[in-house]
PDB file of N, CA and C in Angstrom:
ATOM      1  N   MET A   1      21.501 -18.133  43.272  1.00  0.00           N
ATOM      2  CA  MET A   1      22.813 -18.212  42.647  1.00  0.00           C
ATOM      3  C   MET A   1      22.736 -18.697  41.204  1.00  0.00           C
ATOM      4  N   GLY A   2      21.592 -19.203  40.777  1.00  0.00           N
ATOM      5  CA  GLY A   2      21.455 -19.715  39.423  1.00  0.00           C
ATOM      6  C   GLY A   2      21.286 -18.582  38.419  1.00  0.00           C
ATOM      7  N   ILE A   3      21.080 -18.965  37.201  1.00  0.00           N
ATOM      8  CA  ILE A   3      20.880 -17.988  36.126  1.00  0.00           C
ATOM      9  C   ILE A   3      19.482 -17.397  36.260  1.00  0.00           C
ATOM     10  N   ASN A   4      19.432 -16.091  36.201  1.00  0.00           N
ATOM     11  CA  ASN A   4      18.147 -15.401  36.282  1.00  0.00           C
ATOM     12  C   ASN A   4      17.387 -15.605  34.963  1.00  0.00           C
ATOM     13  N   ILE A   5      16.082 -15.848  35.043  1.00  0.00           N
ATOM     14  CA  ILE A   5      15.258 -16.076  33.853  1.00  0.00           C
ATOM     15  C   ILE A   5      15.276 -14.839  32.945  1.00  0.00           C
ATOM     16  N   GLY A   6      15.241 -13.654  33.521  1.00  0.00           N
ATOM     17  CA  GLY A   6      15.277 -12.418  32.744  1.00  0.00           C
ATOM     18  C   GLY A   6      16.549 -12.312  31.922  1.00  0.00           C
ATOM     19  N   ASP A   7      17.682 -12.687  32.516  1.00  0.00           N
ATOM     20  CA  ASP A   7      18.955 -12.659  31.787  1.00  0.00           C
ATOM     21  C   ASP A   7      18.932 -13.642  30.625  1.00  0.00           C
ATOM     22  N   LEU A   8      18.360 -14.815  30.866  1.00  0.00           N
ATOM     23  CA  LEU A   8      18.284 -15.834  29.828  1.00  0.00           C
ATOM     24  C   LEU A   8      17.421 -15.359  28.658  1.00  0.00           C
ATOM     25  N   VAL A   9      16.272 -14.752  28.958  1.00  0.00           N
ATOM     26  CA  VAL A   9      15.379 -14.239  27.916  1.00  0.00           C
ATOM     27  C   VAL A   9      16.071 -13.123  27.143  1.00  0.00           C
ATOM     28  N   TYR A  10      16.770 -12.234  27.855  1.00  0.00           N
ATOM     29  CA  TYR A  10      17.490 -11.135  27.208  1.00  0.00           C
ATOM     30  C   TYR A  10      18.553 -11.676  26.247  1.00  0.00           C
ATOM     31  N   GLN A  11      19.315 -12.666  26.694  1.00  0.00           N
ATOM     32  CA  GLN A  11      20.353 -13.251  25.846  1.00  0.00           C
ATOM     33  C   GLN A  11      19.740 -13.904  24.604  1.00  0.00           C
ATOM     34  N   LEU A  12      18.624 -14.582  24.778  1.00  0.00           N
ATOM     35  CA  LEU A  12      17.952 -15.231  23.662  1.00  0.00           C
ATOM     36  C   LEU A  12      17.455 -14.203  22.638  1.00  0.00           C
ATOM     37  N   ILE A  13      16.850 -13.127  23.129  1.00  0.00           N
ATOM     38  CA  ILE A  13      16.359 -12.074  22.233  1.00  0.00           C
ATOM     39  C   ILE A  13      17.514 -11.422  21.474  1.00  0.00           C
ATOM     40  N   MET A  14      18.613 -11.141  22.162  1.00  0.00           N
ATOM     41  CA  MET A  14      19.766 -10.525  21.495  1.00  0.00           C
ATOM     42  C   MET A  14      20.364 -11.465  20.444  1.00  0.00           C
ATOM     43  N   PHE A  15      20.404 -12.751  20.749  1.00  0.00           N
ATOM     44  CA  PHE A  15      20.922 -13.731  19.795  1.00  0.00           C
ATOM     45  C   PHE A  15      20.038 -13.779  18.553  1.00  0.00           C
ATOM     46  N   ILE A  16      18.726 -13.764  18.727  1.00  0.00           N
ATOM     47  CA  ILE A  16      17.792 -13.788  17.606  1.00  0.00           C
ATOM     48  C   ILE A  16      17.928 -12.506  16.778  1.00  0.00           C
ATOM     49  N   LEU A  17      18.072 -11.358  17.440  1.00  0.00           N
ATOM     50  CA  LEU A  17      18.258 -10.098  16.714  1.00  0.00           C
ATOM     51  C   LEU A  17      19.551 -10.107  15.895  1.00  0.00           C
ATOM     52  N   LEU A  18      20.617 -10.654  16.491  1.00  0.00           N
ATOM     53  CA  LEU A  18      21.898 -10.729  15.777  1.00  0.00           C
ATOM     54  C   LEU A  18      21.764 -11.608  14.539  1.00  0.00           C
ATOM     55  N   LEU A  19      21.141 -12.763  14.684  1.00  0.00           N
ATOM     56  CA  LEU A  19      20.928 -13.633  13.526  1.00  0.00           C
ATOM     57  C   LEU A  19      20.052 -12.949  12.479  1.00  0.00           C
ATOM     58  N   GLY A  20      19.034 -12.230  12.934  1.00  0.00           N
ATOM     59  CA  GLY A  20      18.157 -11.516  12.011  1.00  0.00           C
ATOM     60  C   GLY A  20      18.908 -10.476  11.203  1.00  0.00           C
ATOM     61  N   MET A  21      19.816  -9.755  11.843  1.00  0.00           N
ATOM     62  CA  MET A  21      20.599  -8.748  11.120  1.00  0.00           C
ATOM     63  C   MET A  21      21.524  -9.401  10.099  1.00  0.00           C
ATOM     64  N   ILE A  22      22.121 -10.516  10.460  1.00  0.00           N
ATOM     65  CA  ILE A  22      23.012 -11.213   9.531  1.00  0.00           C
ATOM     66  C   ILE A  22      22.225 -11.681   8.313  1.00  0.00           C
ATOM     67  N   PHE A  23      21.044 -12.273   8.535  1.00  0.00           N
ATOM     68  CA  PHE A  23      20.220 -12.716   7.415  1.00  0.00           C
ATOM     69  C   PHE A  23      19.747 -11.532   6.572  1.00  0.00           C
ATOM     70  N   ALA A  24      19.415 -10.424   7.207  1.00  0.00           N
ATOM     71  CA  ALA A  24      18.953  -9.244   6.466  1.00  0.00           C
ATOM     72  C   ALA A  24      20.048  -8.739   5.532  1.00  0.00           C
ATOM     73  N   VAL A  25      21.273  -8.657   6.019  1.00  0.00           N
ATOM     74  CA  VAL A  25      22.388  -8.199   5.178  1.00  0.00           C
ATOM     75  C   VAL A  25      22.623  -9.179   4.038  1.00  0.00           C
ATOM     76  N   TYR A  26      22.569 -10.471   4.350  1.00  0.00           N
ATOM     77  CA  TYR A  26      22.781 -11.494   3.321  1.00  0.00           C
ATOM     78  C   TYR A  26      21.750 -11.375   2.206  1.00  0.00           C
ATOM     79  N   PHE A  27      20.464 -11.280   2.566  1.00  0.00           N
ATOM     80  CA  PHE A  27      19.424 -11.204   1.546  1.00  0.00           C
ATOM     81  C   PHE A  27      19.457  -9.869   0.800  1.00  0.00           C
ATOM     82  N   PHE A  28      19.867  -8.794   1.472  1.00  0.00           N
ATOM     83  CA  PHE A  28      19.990  -7.498   0.814  1.00  0.00           C
ATOM     84  C   PHE A  28      21.071  -7.545  -0.264  1.00  0.00           C
ATOM     85  N   VAL A  29      22.229  -8.086   0.072  1.00  0.00           N
ATOM     86  CA  VAL A  29      23.328  -8.184  -0.896  1.00  0.00           C
ATOM     87  C   VAL A  29      22.922  -9.100  -2.046  1.00  0.00           C
ATOM     88  N   ARG A  30      22.249 -10.207  -1.720  1.00  0.00           N
ATOM     89  CA  ARG A  30      21.812 -11.141  -2.749  1.00  0.00           C
ATOM     90  C   ARG A  30      20.824 -10.491  -3.719  1.00  0.00           C
ATOM     91  N   SER A  31      19.921  -9.675  -3.186  1.00  0.00           N
ATOM     92  CA  SER A  31      18.945  -9.015  -4.063  1.00  0.00           C
ATOM     93  C   SER A  31      19.627  -7.956  -4.932  1.00  0.00           C
ATOM     94  N   LEU A  32      20.629  -7.265  -4.381  1.00  0.00           N
ATOM     95  CA  LEU A  32      21.367  -6.289  -5.192  1.00  0.00           C
ATOM     96  C   LEU A  32      22.092  -6.967  -6.338  1.00  0.00           C
ATOM     97  N   LEU A  33      22.713  -8.113  -6.060  1.00  0.00           N
ATOM     98  CA  LEU A  33      23.420  -8.832  -7.112  1.00  0.00           C
ATOM     99  C   LEU A  33      22.443  -9.340  -8.169  1.00  0.00           C
ATOM    100  N   ALA A  34      21.297  -9.818  -7.754  1.00  0.00           N
ATOM    101  CA  ALA A  34      20.297 -10.312  -8.705  1.00  0.00           C
ATOM    102  C   ALA A  34      19.771  -9.162  -9.553  1.00  0.00           C
ATOM    103  N   ARG A  35      19.564  -7.998  -8.947  1.00  0.00           N
ATOM    104  CA  ARG A  35      19.048  -6.845  -9.691  1.00  0.00           C
ATOM    105  C   ARG A  35      20.057  -6.390 -10.740  1.00  0.00           C
ATOM    106  N   SER A  36      21.345  -6.353 -10.392  1.00  0.00           N
ATOM    107  CA  SER A  36      22.353  -5.923 -11.364  1.00  0.00           C
ATOM    108  C   SER A  36      22.453  -6.937 -12.496  1.00  0.00           C
ATOM    109  N   ASN A  37      22.277  -8.211 -12.186  1.00  0.00           N
ATOM    110  CA  ASN A  37      22.302  -9.250 -13.214  1.00  0.00           C
ATOM    111  C   ASN A  37      21.113  -9.085 -14.157  1.00  0.00           C
ATOM    112  N   ASN A  38      19.940  -8.766 -13.608  1.00  0.00           N
ATOM    113  CA  ASN A  38      18.758  -8.558 -14.436  1.00  0.00           C
ATOM    114  C   ASN A  38      18.927  -7.343 -15.342  1.00  0.00           C
ATOM    115  N   SER A  39      19.535  -6.290 -14.831  1.00  0.00           N
ATOM    116  CA  SER A  39      19.710  -5.094 -15.655  1.00  0.00           C
ATOM    117  C   SER A  39      20.684  -5.373 -16.804  1.00  0.00           C
ATOM    118  N   ASN A  40      21.686  -6.214 -16.557  1.00  0.00           N
ATOM    119  CA  ASN A  40      22.607  -6.578 -17.639  1.00  0.00           C
ATOM    120  C   ASN A  40      21.877  -7.337 -18.733  1.00  0.00           C
ATOM    121  N   ARG A  41      21.009  -8.256 -18.335  1.00  0.00           N
ATOM    122  CA  ARG A  41      20.239  -9.010 -19.330  1.00  0.00           C
ATOM    123  C   ARG A  41      19.305  -8.086 -20.097  1.00  0.00           C
ATOM    124  N   MET A  42      18.712  -7.137 -19.382  1.00  0.00           N
ATOM    125  CA  MET A  42      17.798  -6.192 -20.030  1.00  0.00           C
ATOM    126  C   MET A  42      18.559  -5.341 -21.047  1.00  0.00           C
ATOM    127  N   GLU A  43      19.761  -4.896 -20.693  1.00  0.00           N
ATOM    128  CA  GLU A  43      20.558  -4.109 -21.624  1.00  0.00           C
ATOM    129  C   GLU A  43      20.900  -4.909 -22.871  1.00  0.00           C
ATOM    130  N   GLN A  44      21.229  -6.185 -22.692  1.00  0.00           N
ATOM    131  CA  GLN A  44      21.538  -7.031 -23.846  1.00  0.00           C
ATOM    132  C   GLN A  44      20.323  -7.182 -24.753  1.00  0.00           C
ATOM    133  N   LYS A  45      19.159  -7.355 -24.167  1.00  0.00           N
ATOM    134  CA  LYS A  45      17.938  -7.484 -24.967  1.00  0.00           C
ATOM    135  C   LYS A  45      17.645  -6.181 -25.719  1.00  0.00           C
ATOM    136  N   LEU A  46      17.813  -5.045 -25.040  1.00  0.00           N
ATOM    137  CA  LEU A  46      17.578  -3.764 -25.705  1.00  0.00           C
ATOM    138  C   LEU A  46      18.565  -3.542 -26.841  1.00  0.00           C
ATOM    139  N   ASP A  47      19.820  -3.917 -26.629  1.00  0.00           N
ATOM    140  CA  ASP A  47      20.810  -3.794 -27.700  1.00  0.00           C
ATOM    141  C   ASP A  47      20.410  -4.633 -28.905  1.00  0.00           C
ATOM    142  N   ARG A  48      19.911  -5.823 -28.642  1.00  0.00           N
ATOM    143  CA  ARG A  48      19.473  -6.712 -29.730  1.00  0.00           C
ATOM    144  C   ARG A  48      18.293  -6.095 -30.493  1.00  0.00           C
ATOM    145  N   VAL A  49      17.339  -5.524 -29.759  1.00  0.00           N
ATOM    146  CA  VAL A  49      16.189  -4.884 -30.403  1.00  0.00           C
ATOM    147  C   VAL A  49      16.647  -3.707 -31.266  1.00  0.00           C
ATOM    148  N   ILE A  50      17.575  -2.913 -30.754  1.00  0.00           N
ATOM    149  CA  ILE A  50      18.085  -1.766 -31.519  1.00  0.00           C
ATOM    150  C   ILE A  50      18.775  -2.244 -32.793  1.00  0.00           C
ATOM    151  N   GLU A  51      19.578  -3.312 -32.666  1.00  0.00           N
ATOM    152  CA  GLU A  51      20.240  -3.861 -33.855  1.00  0.00           C
ATOM    153  C   GLU A  51      19.223  -4.294 -34.902  1.00  0.00           C
ATOM    154  N   LEU A  52      18.183  -4.983 -34.455  1.00  0.00           N
ATOM    155  CA  LEU A  52      17.160  -5.454 -35.394  1.00  0.00           C
ATOM    156  C   LEU A  52      16.432  -4.288 -36.042  1.00  0.00           C
ATOM    157  N   LEU A  53      16.141  -3.235 -35.269  1.00  0.00           N
ATOM    158  CA  LEU A  53      15.468  -2.070 -35.833  1.00  0.00           C
ATOM    159  C   LEU A  53      16.340  -1.366 -36.863  1.00  0.00           C
ATOM    160  N   GLU A  54      17.631  -1.242 -36.556  1.00  0.00           N
ATOM    161  CA  GLU A  54      18.548  -0.597 -37.506  1.00  0.00           C
ATOM    162  C   GLU A  54      18.686  -1.426 -38.771  1.00  0.00           C
ATOM    163  N   LYS A  55      18.749  -2.728 -38.605  1.00  0.00           N
ATOM    164  CA  LYS A  55      18.845  -3.626 -39.763  1.00  0.00           C
ATOM    165  C   LYS A  55      17.573  -3.509 -40.619  1.00  0.00           C
ATOM    166  N   ASP A  56      16.431  -3.444 -39.959  1.00  0.00           N
ATOM    167  CA  ASP A  56      15.151  -3.316 -40.645  1.00  0.00           C
ATOM    168  C   ASP A  56      15.068  -1.980 -41.401  1.00  0.00           C
ATOM    169  N   LYS A  57      15.605  -0.935 -40.785  1.00  0.00           N
ATOM    170  CA  LYS A  57      15.545   0.405 -41.399  1.00  0.00           C
ATOM    171  C   LYS A  57      16.418   0.456 -42.662  1.00  0.00           C
ATOM    172  N   ARG A  58      17.556  -0.259 -42.660  1.00  0.00           N
ATOM    173  CA  ARG A  58      18.469  -0.259 -43.797  1.00  0.00           C
ATOM    174  C   ARG A  58      17.896  -0.988 -45.001  1.00  0.00           C
ATOM    175  N   GLU A  59      17.054  -1.954 -44.765  1.00  0.00           N
ATOM    176  CA  GLU A  59      16.551  -2.777 -45.878  1.00  0.00           C
ATOM    177  C   GLU A  59      15.478  -2.108 -46.668  1.00  0.00           C
TER     178      GLU A  59
END
């Protein structure tokens, strides 16, 4: 009448898989946000380099 060991193991595995999926989505979204932030910084640096090159060409 007690809890079957197989049921307990199954529940534990499903709980771990659920937590794993939640963490995977969290880290995926976090990496996407970090990548977009890096590309913005890269664009700003490239704009600065272009400005300096144009300024250099005018002189």
